[in-house]
Amino acid sequence: MKRPKNHISWSQLLEWEKSPEAYEKYISGGFQNIEMDFGDKIHKGLKNGVDDPDVNFVRVWIPEPGEREVEMEIEIAPGVKLKIGIDGLTVGKESAHVDEYKTGKTAWTQKKVDNHGQITVYDLGIYIKYGIIPTNTLWWIPTEDDEFGNIRKANGIPKAFETTRSLYDIMAMKRRLEKAYKEIGLYYKHKKNG
C-alpha cells in the first residue's frame, strides 16, 4: 500500500502523533462538525467577499492582510513536502506577518497561542520560502450556541494574540514533521508487505 498523501501538513502531523488509526480516519475523510462549519463560513466569506452579518462583523474588526487563504507546498527536506494554508499573509521585503483565525466557544489564552504548533508550521513554511521569520497574530472569534443548537458569533469583538517563534522552534518543528513523514511512509510500506 502506498503512502496516501505525498506531503505532510499540520493536521496530518496531529493525527499521526495520536495514532496510525487516527491518521487513517483523518485521511479517509477527516471529520467535520457544526463548529468547524461556522469557521469555514467565516474563512470562505472573508476570502470571497460574502455579504453575511457574521462575516461582515469579523471583517470590520480584523485588519485586511496582504492575501487571504494562501496555499503553499514547500519542500522542507529532500523528498518531504509541507502543505500549508494560511488564513492571512502579508509579505514585505524584510518582513512577513501571518494571521490565523480561530472560531470557537473555548477561549484562547496567550500561553495556548504561544504553544500552538500550527503557527510554528506556518512560520517554517514562510522561513523556507522567504528566508524570514514572520510575526503572527491569532484572532479568536468567540462563538456560542443559539436557541436551536446552531453555532453563531458570540457577543464581543475578536481578540488578538500576538506571538513569535524562534529559529530553534521552527527547526524543531521541521524535525518533527520530517520524522512523522518518514514514520508514515514506513507504516504504509509495512502495511503493504504485511
Foldseek 3Di string as FASTA:
>chain_A
DFQPDQADEPVLLVQVVVHPVSNVCCSVPRDDDLQNVVVVCLLVCCQVVDDDVQNVQQPVFDDAAPHAQDWDWDALDVSYIYIDTFGGWHDDLAAIEGEAEAEEADDDDLVNVQPDCNLLSVQLVCCVVRVYRYKYKYWYFYWDADPVRGIDGDPDHIDIHIYGDDVVSNVVVSVSRVVSVVVSRVVVVVVVVD
